[in-house]
Amino acid sequence: MEPSAVANAAYSANAFLWMCVFIFALILSVLWILVPFAVFGIKGLLRRIARSLEVIEQQNVDLLAQYRQLPRAEERVVYRDVAPDGTVVVREERTLRPD
């Protein structure tokens, strides 16, 4: 193999490598410039999500307060298992008293 062919192959491989590095750096710099716009664009969405979570949390607090105020009666609880053949088997049956 001629020395000039090896030099040309090394030069073209080196040029290709630098072109790949340049393209990667260009894409990375464009993305880095766009990051602040994405952050500021998401702020409104995050605020709406936070407000809706506050509403849901308040609804949960109200529901829990209503549940605690209700008079509770004895509850009958039945635990059932399904056998492999499809029949339902009662495993345990008990009555829970209110606390």
Protein backbone atom coordinates (compact mmCIF):
# COMPACT_ATOMS: atom_id res chain seq x y z
CA MET A 1 0.00 0.00 0.00
CA GLU A 2 1.32 3.41 -0.89
CA PRO A 3 2.08 5.89 1.87
CA SER A 4 -0.03 8.55 0.16
CA ALA A 5 -3.09 6.26 0.22
CA VAL A 6 -2.67 5.71 3.96
CA ALA A 7 -2.24 9.44 4.51
CA ASN A 8 -5.34 10.19 2.44
CA ALA A 9 -7.38 7.59 4.38
CA ALA A 10 -6.19 8.99 7.70
CA TYR A 11 -6.93 12.54 6.57
CA SER A 12 -10.45 11.63 5.40
CA ALA A 13 -11.17 9.70 8.64
CA ASN A 14 -9.90 12.65 10.67
CA ALA A 15 -12.00 15.08 8.63
CA PHE A 16 -15.09 12.86 9.08
CA LEU A 17 -14.50 12.68 12.82
CA TRP A 18 -14.19 16.46 13.12
CA MET A 19 -17.30 16.94 10.99
CA CYS A 20 -19.25 14.65 13.33
CA VAL A 21 -17.94 16.57 16.37
CA PHE A 22 -18.90 19.88 14.74
CA ILE A 23 -22.44 18.67 13.90
CA PHE A 24 -22.89 17.32 17.45
CA ALA A 25 -21.68 20.63 18.94
CA LEU A 26 -23.99 22.58 16.63
CA ILE A 27 -27.03 20.50 17.62
CA LEU A 28 -26.07 20.75 21.30
CA SER A 29 -25.70 24.54 21.13
CA VAL A 30 -29.08 24.96 19.41
CA LEU A 31 -30.73 22.81 22.08
CA TRP A 32 -28.95 24.76 24.82
CA ILE A 33 -30.31 28.01 23.39
CA LEU A 34 -33.85 26.58 23.32
CA VAL A 35 -33.82 25.27 26.92
CA PRO A 36 -34.88 28.55 28.61
CA PHE A 37 -37.88 28.86 26.30
CA ALA A 38 -38.96 25.33 27.21
CA VAL A 39 -38.59 26.08 30.93
CA PHE A 40 -40.60 29.31 30.73
CA GLY A 41 -43.19 27.61 28.52
CA ILE A 42 -43.73 24.86 31.09
CA LYS A 43 -44.19 27.23 34.06
CA GLY A 44 -47.85 27.94 33.27
CA LEU A 45 -48.61 24.25 32.93
CA LEU A 46 -46.95 23.52 36.26
CA ARG A 47 -48.96 26.29 37.93
CA ARG A 48 -52.22 24.82 36.56
CA ILE A 49 -51.24 21.36 37.77
CA ALA A 50 -50.38 22.74 41.23
CA ARG A 51 -53.76 24.53 41.45
CA SER A 52 -55.66 21.41 40.43
CA LEU A 53 -53.73 19.35 43.00
CA GLU A 54 -54.65 21.89 45.69
CA VAL A 55 -58.32 21.58 44.70
CA ILE A 56 -58.13 17.78 44.81
CA GLU A 57 -56.38 17.90 48.18
CA GLN A 58 -59.10 20.17 49.59
CA GLN A 59 -61.79 17.83 48.23
CA ASN A 60 -60.06 14.91 49.95
CA VAL A 61 -59.94 16.82 53.24
CA ASP A 62 -63.66 17.64 52.94
CA LEU A 63 -64.57 14.04 52.11
CA LEU A 64 -62.54 12.72 55.02
CA ALA A 65 -64.21 15.20 57.40
CA GLN A 66 -67.66 14.16 56.14
CA TYR A 67 -66.76 10.47 56.50
CA ARG A 68 -65.64 10.96 60.09
CA GLN A 69 -68.89 12.76 60.98
CA LEU A 70 -71.19 10.03 59.65
CA PRO A 71 -72.57 7.62 62.22
CA ARG A 72 -71.13 4.22 61.46
CA ALA A 73 -73.01 1.00 61.88
CA GLU A 74 -71.69 -2.51 62.07
CA GLU A 75 -70.41 -3.76 58.75
CA ARG A 76 -70.52 -7.33 57.55
CA VAL A 77 -67.35 -8.31 55.70
CA VAL A 78 -67.10 -11.43 53.58
CA TYR A 79 -63.79 -12.62 52.19
CA ARG A 80 -64.20 -14.81 49.12
CA ASP A 81 -61.77 -16.86 47.10
CA VAL A 82 -62.25 -18.19 43.59
CA ALA A 83 -61.31 -21.84 43.18
CA PRO A 84 -59.49 -22.98 40.03
CA ASP A 85 -62.71 -24.53 38.72
CA GLY A 86 -64.46 -21.13 38.94
CA THR A 87 -66.55 -21.70 42.06
CA VAL A 88 -66.58 -19.05 44.78
CA VAL A 89 -65.54 -20.19 48.24
CA VAL A 90 -66.22 -18.08 51.35
CA ARG A 91 -62.97 -17.96 53.28
CA GLU A 92 -64.05 -15.82 56.22
CA GLU A 93 -67.10 -13.88 57.28
CA ARG A 94 -67.13 -11.43 60.17
CA THR A 95 -68.86 -8.35 61.49
CA LEU A 96 -66.81 -5.21 62.15
CA ARG A 97 -67.94 -2.87 64.87
CA PRO A 98 -67.43 0.90 64.52
CA ASP A 99 -64.53 2.42 66.42
